[in-house]
């Protein structure tokens, strides 16, 4: 019998890719999403006999309780994600990012594995010169980072949990996000051919969305050596500054003008580089490069067409 995985937030940026990846890897998928953004990104999976979709809220215990009885593992993706979205609605952010996961932890059996995506943005404003490991103290500087760090702590105190501190994700998805840094830089290059960058030397780590999906598969297939631990999930060759990222984009869009502003600041003050060595020792390593992702995004943006509020 195929192992069955419950994914909350399954129609989101990551979930839309992860559902398909898991089905291709021989898992049965129970996908739950309230379609908060009005998206229907999973139509193409409906013909698959091992795919099931439930339209519901990840905070609804009445829905989750019976669903949990039939699954082997849980991947709770449902969350308010990103600094801007969380600051806009802090009450919902705490409800979805913390309270819903605490409820899920109480409802599940200790035998059911949870693979939880947190964020390496919890490392906050470091020097950008010393590699952050899983032992580096978390210093979140946003509500998003605070809620993710709090939930990670809660889950690590419970049995049968793996926490993945994701780097900034990039790449195309059926439910696209244009606010993520690589995706945003490439969009600016492709559409406006210009971008102003504040704090150009601030660094962070990046990872392709399909590498993230593959990492979840690795966790589901190798839980014995990973449970009870946290893993940084990023690409070692993609520890780079915003200026370095912009120059990589410029290689593929030569007429992309980048202005490094000396006056002004970015509301997102993250500045760190990350070691992914622990995950490598656990048998997984990201393999898709930033250059791969930039070229993929350019292809994808050719499909955007006219935007609703621009007559171009």
Foldseek 3Di string as FASTA:
>chain_A
DAAEEEEEVLQAQLNQLLCVVCVVVRHQYEYEYQCPVVDDSCPVVVVPPSYHYDNDDLQDCVVVLVVQVRHQEYEYPFAQDDQVSCVVPVVVRLCGLAVSLVVVLVRHDLRHAYEYEAAPLQCPFDPLPDADFQPRDGHHDGSSSVSRVVRVVVVLVGHRYEYEHEWQEFADGSNDDCPGLLSVLLVCCLPVLEDEDEPQFFWTFYAYSVLVSVLVVLCVVQVVVGISDYFYAGAQVGTGGNNVSNVLLCVVRVSRYYHYDPDDHDPRNHGYHHDRVVVVVSPGHGDQDSNNRSVRSSVVVVPPPDDPPDPD
